[in-house]
Amino acid sequence: MKVIGAGFGRTGTRSLKAALELLGFGPCYHMSTVIAEPYRVRQWLDVGEGRSRDWDTLFAGFRSALDWPASAYWRELAAHYPGAKVVLTVRDPGPWYDSVSATIFRSALEQRARLTLRRRMIRWLVARRAPDFALYPRMARATFIDPVFGGRVDDRDHVLDVFERHVAEVKAAIPAGRLLVFEPGDGWEPLCAFLGVPVPDVPYPQVNERAAFRRKRPRRLARLILRGR
């Protein structure tokens, strides 16, 4: 492991994943990795519920890790991989909350709401056809919804306070020479200087995470139901 991401989801982690892989620090483990390979949901559920923290097995074959659920364990990963550098992705807290509440937190809050008949049918089909992925809401609660936010993801003021405290805690815990605080608009130069690699002759990746989340979710559920992954 060469790079550990300490930033919350929806802070430009998808673009950074693409950037790290272009720079030779891939494959990069990301929430999208868990979604694409649902057997990993059970691995993280074991972590979140305290049964296992075998980081080397969990991240076998990966050279970097970003986004939840990995970033919820940034302290443990920084200690376990002392040679890895840490990137703390940040953005303006207000727009960040708008983004995360419309995507990841929205999914968590839907689990609490009274479901329509259509959604109950979809959940039943997913549980039958893709039992690993059906555990995703439980895994999310166990790894970051509850331990990081106390389950209060619908409380804007609380979530923003957690966000700001998290940024301060990472800055205080990780030595300056090992830490890069990185915003989505910073581009290649600070990232490449931090990692000690040349700036590539291509634009820095720009991935619209919110649009991608909304676009892919229905297709992902259909694939899980039809193919049984």
Protein backbone atom coordinates (compact mmCIF):
# COMPACT_ATOMS: atom_id res chain seq x y z
CA MET A 1 0.00 0.00 0.00
CA LYS A 2 1.50 3.28 -1.18
CA VAL A 3 -1.34 5.79 -0.75
CA ILE A 4 -4.09 5.88 1.89
CA GLY A 5 -7.07 8.17 1.44
CA ALA A 6 -8.38 9.73 4.65
CA GLY A 7 -11.09 11.84 3.02
CA PHE A 8 -14.80 11.20 3.25
CA GLY A 9 -16.79 9.96 0.29
CA ARG A 10 -17.89 12.62 -2.18
CA THR A 11 -14.73 14.70 -1.81
CA GLY A 12 -13.41 13.98 -5.28
CA THR A 13 -12.30 10.44 -4.49
CA ARG A 14 -13.49 8.96 -7.79
CA SER A 15 -11.41 11.46 -9.77
CA LEU A 16 -8.44 10.86 -7.46
CA LYS A 17 -8.79 7.11 -7.98
CA ALA A 18 -8.44 7.63 -11.73
CA ALA A 19 -5.51 10.00 -11.16
CA LEU A 20 -3.63 7.57 -8.91
CA GLU A 21 -4.08 4.77 -11.40
CA LEU A 22 -2.73 6.96 -14.19
CA LEU A 23 0.30 7.74 -12.02
CA GLY A 24 1.05 4.06 -11.36
CA PHE A 25 -0.46 3.78 -7.88
CA GLY A 26 -3.18 1.37 -8.94
CA PRO A 27 -5.17 -0.65 -8.68
CA CYS A 28 -6.89 1.76 -6.29
CA TYR A 29 -9.42 0.38 -3.83
CA HIS A 30 -12.59 2.49 -3.69
CA MET A 31 -16.22 2.11 -2.68
CA SER A 32 -16.85 1.33 -6.33
CA THR A 33 -14.62 -1.74 -5.89
CA VAL A 34 -16.94 -3.05 -3.18
CA ILE A 35 -20.01 -2.42 -5.32
CA ALA A 36 -18.46 -4.08 -8.38
CA GLU A 37 -17.36 -7.15 -6.39
CA PRO A 38 -20.12 -7.77 -3.80
CA TYR A 39 -18.23 -10.53 -1.96
CA ARG A 40 -16.20 -7.67 -0.48
CA VAL A 41 -19.30 -6.47 1.38
CA ARG A 42 -18.97 -9.43 3.76
CA GLN A 43 -15.29 -8.66 4.30
CA TRP A 44 -16.13 -5.14 5.41
CA LEU A 45 -19.03 -6.34 7.49
CA ASP A 46 -16.54 -8.50 9.38
CA VAL A 47 -14.38 -5.42 9.92
CA GLY A 48 -17.27 -3.22 11.01
CA GLU A 49 -18.71 -5.81 13.38
CA GLY A 50 -15.34 -6.63 14.90
CA ARG A 51 -14.71 -10.13 13.62
CA SER A 52 -11.63 -9.45 11.47
CA ARG A 53 -9.19 -6.72 10.50
CA ASP A 54 -6.89 -8.58 8.16
CA TRP A 55 -5.86 -5.55 6.12
CA ASP A 56 -3.32 -7.40 3.98
CA THR A 57 -5.93 -9.89 2.78
CA LEU A 58 -8.57 -7.23 2.29
CA PHE A 59 -6.31 -5.02 0.17
CA ALA A 60 -4.33 -7.78 -1.57
CA GLY A 61 -3.31 -6.61 -5.05
CA PHE A 62 -4.07 -2.91 -4.40
CA ARG A 63 -1.51 -0.11 -4.13
CA SER A 64 -3.85 2.60 -2.88
CA ALA A 65 -7.20 2.93 -1.12
CA LEU A 66 -9.71 5.78 -1.02
CA ASP A 67 -13.28 6.54 -0.02
CA TRP A 68 -15.51 4.73 2.44
CA PRO A 69 -15.39 2.22 3.95
CA ALA A 70 -11.57 2.24 3.83
CA SER A 71 -11.20 5.90 4.81
CA ALA A 72 -13.18 5.31 8.01
CA TYR A 73 -10.13 3.30 9.17
CA TRP A 74 -7.47 5.79 8.18
CA ARG A 75 -5.78 5.65 11.59
CA GLU A 76 -5.48 1.87 11.53
CA LEU A 77 -4.31 1.81 7.92
CA ALA A 78 -1.74 4.57 8.46
CA ALA A 79 -0.31 2.56 11.36
CA HIS A 80 -0.42 -0.76 9.52
CA TYR A 81 1.24 0.65 6.39
CA PRO A 82 3.82 3.07 7.84
CA GLY A 83 5.48 3.62 4.47
CA ALA A 84 2.26 4.78 2.80
CA LYS A 85 1.51 8.45 2.24
CA VAL A 86 -1.86 9.88 3.27
CA VAL A 87 -4.09 12.06 1.11
CA LEU A 88 -6.89 13.94 2.84
CA THR A 89 -9.42 14.97 0.20
CA VAL A 90 -11.54 17.95 1.25
CA ARG A 91 -14.09 20.32 -0.27
CA ASP A 92 -16.39 23.08 0.88
CA PRO A 93 -18.55 21.44 3.59
CA GLY A 94 -21.92 22.82 2.42
CA PRO A 95 -21.81 21.51 -1.16
CA TRP A 96 -20.24 18.31 0.14
CA TYR A 97 -23.22 17.69 2.42
CA ASP A 98 -25.63 18.37 -0.45
CA SER A 99 -23.80 15.79 -2.55
CA VAL A 100 -23.46 13.08 0.08
CA SER A 101 -27.03 13.51 1.34
CA ALA A 102 -28.31 13.00 -2.21
CA THR A 103 -26.30 9.83 -2.74
CA ILE A 104 -24.73 7.70 -0.01
CA PHE A 105 -26.77 9.10 2.88
CA ARG A 106 -29.94 8.97 0.83
CA SER A 107 -29.49 5.24 0.43
CA ALA A 108 -28.96 4.88 4.18
CA LEU A 109 -32.03 6.95 5.02
CA GLU A 110 -34.18 4.96 2.61
CA GLN A 111 -33.50 1.89 4.71
CA ARG A 112 -35.35 3.55 7.62
CA ALA A 113 -38.34 4.71 5.62
CA ARG A 114 -41.52 2.77 4.97
CA LEU A 115 -40.90 1.08 1.63
CA THR A 116 -43.25 1.10 -1.30
CA LEU A 117 -44.34 -2.23 -2.72
CA ARG A 118 -41.97 -1.75 -5.66
CA ARG A 119 -38.97 -1.16 -3.39
CA ARG A 120 -39.90 -4.12 -1.19
CA MET A 121 -39.97 -6.32 -4.29
CA ILE A 122 -36.58 -5.01 -5.46
CA ARG A 123 -35.06 -5.61 -2.03
CA TRP A 124 -36.48 -9.14 -1.92
CA LEU A 125 -35.12 -9.93 -5.39
CA VAL A 126 -31.68 -8.55 -4.56
CA ALA A 127 -31.59 -10.59 -1.34
CA ARG A 128 -32.49 -13.74 -3.28
CA ARG A 129 -30.21 -13.20 -6.26
CA ALA A 130 -27.28 -11.32 -4.68
CA PRO A 131 -27.15 -12.11 -0.95
CA ASP A 132 -23.71 -10.53 -0.50
CA PHE A 133 -24.82 -7.21 -1.94
CA ALA A 134 -28.03 -7.34 0.09
CA LEU A 135 -25.80 -6.86 3.16
CA TYR A 136 -24.51 -3.53 1.85
CA PRO A 137 -26.79 -1.32 4.03
CA ARG A 138 -25.78 -3.24 7.14
CA MET A 139 -22.11 -2.96 6.16
CA ALA A 140 -22.40 0.80 5.57
CA ARG A 141 -23.99 1.28 8.98
CA ALA A 142 -21.34 -0.84 10.68
CA THR A 143 -18.31 0.75 9.04
CA PHE A 144 -19.08 4.47 8.76
CA ILE A 145 -22.72 5.51 9.12
CA ASP A 146 -22.83 4.63 12.82
CA PRO A 147 -19.18 4.80 13.99
CA VAL A 148 -18.33 8.02 12.14
CA PHE A 149 -21.66 9.87 12.21
CA GLY A 150 -23.48 8.21 15.09
CA GLY A 151 -26.20 7.26 12.62
CA ARG A 152 -27.32 10.91 12.45
CA VAL A 153 -26.78 11.38 8.73
CA ASP A 154 -30.01 13.38 8.39
CA ASP A 155 -28.77 16.01 10.86
CA ARG A 156 -26.95 18.55 8.69
CA ASP A 157 -25.33 20.50 11.52
CA HIS A 158 -24.09 17.33 13.18
CA VAL A 159 -22.67 15.92 9.94
CA LEU A 160 -20.89 19.18 9.11
CA ASP A 161 -19.40 19.26 12.59
CA VAL A 162 -18.15 15.68 12.13
CA PHE A 163 -16.66 16.65 8.77
CA GLU A 164 -14.74 19.60 10.20
CA ARG A 165 -13.54 17.66 13.24
CA HIS A 166 -12.37 14.85 10.99
CA VAL A 167 -10.25 17.21 8.90
CA ALA A 168 -8.68 18.64 12.06
CA GLU A 169 -8.01 15.18 13.51
CA VAL A 170 -6.24 13.92 10.39
CA LYS A 171 -4.09 17.04 10.20
CA ALA A 172 -3.15 16.66 13.86
CA ALA A 173 -2.38 12.94 13.65
CA ILE A 174 -0.40 12.63 10.40
CA PRO A 175 3.00 14.37 10.13
CA ALA A 176 3.10 17.15 7.56
CA GLY A 177 5.64 15.37 5.35
CA ARG A 178 3.39 12.33 5.11
CA LEU A 179 0.11 14.20 4.50
CA LEU A 180 -1.34 16.01 1.51
CA VAL A 181 -4.55 18.00 1.98
CA PHE A 182 -6.07 17.90 -1.49
CA GLU A 183 -9.07 19.66 -2.99
CA PRO A 184 -10.75 18.55 -6.24
CA GLY A 185 -9.58 21.61 -8.14
CA ASP A 186 -5.91 21.33 -7.13
CA GLY A 187 -4.95 19.28 -10.19
CA TRP A 188 -1.80 17.34 -10.91
CA GLU A 189 0.96 19.57 -9.55
CA PRO A 190 0.56 19.20 -5.77
CA LEU A 191 -0.36 15.53 -6.06
CA CYS A 192 2.62 14.64 -8.26
CA ALA A 193 5.03 16.68 -6.14
CA PHE A 194 3.77 14.91 -3.02
CA LEU A 195 4.12 11.46 -4.59
CA GLY A 196 7.43 12.23 -6.30
CA VAL A 197 6.30 11.47 -9.84
CA PRO A 198 6.26 13.52 -13.07
CA VAL A 199 3.14 15.45 -14.07
CA PRO A 200 1.44 13.52 -16.90
CA ASP A 201 0.65 15.17 -20.21
CA VAL A 202 -3.11 14.67 -19.86
CA PRO A 203 -5.79 16.66 -18.03
CA TYR A 204 -6.50 15.75 -14.42
CA PRO A 205 -9.51 13.37 -14.36
CA GLN A 206 -12.90 14.93 -13.69
CA VAL A 207 -15.56 12.44 -12.62
CA ASN A 208 -19.02 13.70 -11.65
CA GLU A 209 -19.60 11.37 -8.72
CA ARG A 210 -23.19 12.39 -7.99
CA ALA A 211 -24.29 11.98 -11.61
CA ALA A 212 -22.46 8.65 -11.87
CA PHE A 213 -24.07 7.39 -8.66
CA ARG A 214 -27.59 8.19 -9.84
CA ARG A 215 -27.00 6.89 -13.36
CA LYS A 216 -25.47 3.58 -12.37
CA ARG A 217 -27.69 2.60 -9.45
CA PRO A 218 -30.73 1.33 -11.45
CA ARG A 219 -28.47 -0.58 -13.87
CA ARG A 220 -26.54 -2.09 -10.98
CA LEU A 221 -29.69 -3.34 -9.28
CA ALA A 222 -30.99 -4.77 -12.56
CA ARG A 223 -27.70 -6.57 -13.15
CA LEU A 224 -27.68 -8.02 -9.66
CA ILE A 225 -31.22 -9.32 -10.02
CA LEU A 226 -30.73 -10.73 -13.53
CA ARG A 227 -27.24 -12.17 -13.13
CA GLY A 228 -27.22 -12.96 -9.45
CA ARG A 229 -23.86 -11.46 -8.45
